[in-house]
Amino acid sequence: MFRAAIIGATMLGAVACMSPTMAQQQETPPPPCTAEQNTHMDFWVGTWDAKWVDAEGVEQHGTNTITKELGGCMVLEQFDGNPGNNLLGHSISQYVPRLDAWKQVWMDNQAGFYPLTGGMEGGDFVLHLDRAHENVPYIRMLFTNISQTSFDWHWQRSADEGETWSDSWYIHYTRTE
């Protein structure tokens, strides 16, 4: 009995002497994907009319539907270039806290596969192609002129290692939903 009382008193003393750091470690962590950075692509969520001019100078239209999935942790894109362009593609995007960056992977029906990394730069959202080696071109995706109802999207290349950029494809997006 005496031994049990001494062990109980020792344990009670140890709990009472726990440092604040130890007590904080026992608190419930915040839910995943709730950091402010997780909202940086929210401007894109919705259904969009995509309008561009093709190589022959003809105006084309497509649609792009963007949703948040997996409890708000992932942004899913479903692009349809029809009727003027048969490009169909999907991307998945996610903010990665340990990198303090967004990661995106784009895949399409023309065997396109593009891993990208980026985030907010001023008022623009920019994703750069991950360059695994020097033979990979400098490419980026730029979302600019962002508002509640529209934005401009640019697929750009650089011939001077990112010093200057030129559009390979420009699309104006208008929200339909």
Foldseek 3Di string as FASTA:
>chain_A
DVVVVVVVVVVVVVVVPDDVVVVVVPDDDDDPLPDPQLCQCVLVAAKKWKWFADPVRRIFIWIKHWDQDDVSFKIKIWTQRPDVDRKTKMKIWGQDVVVNWIWMWIQIPVGDTFIWIFADDPPKGKTWTDDPDDVDWTWMWIWAPGDNFWIKIFTWTDPPNPPDIDGPTIIIIGGPD
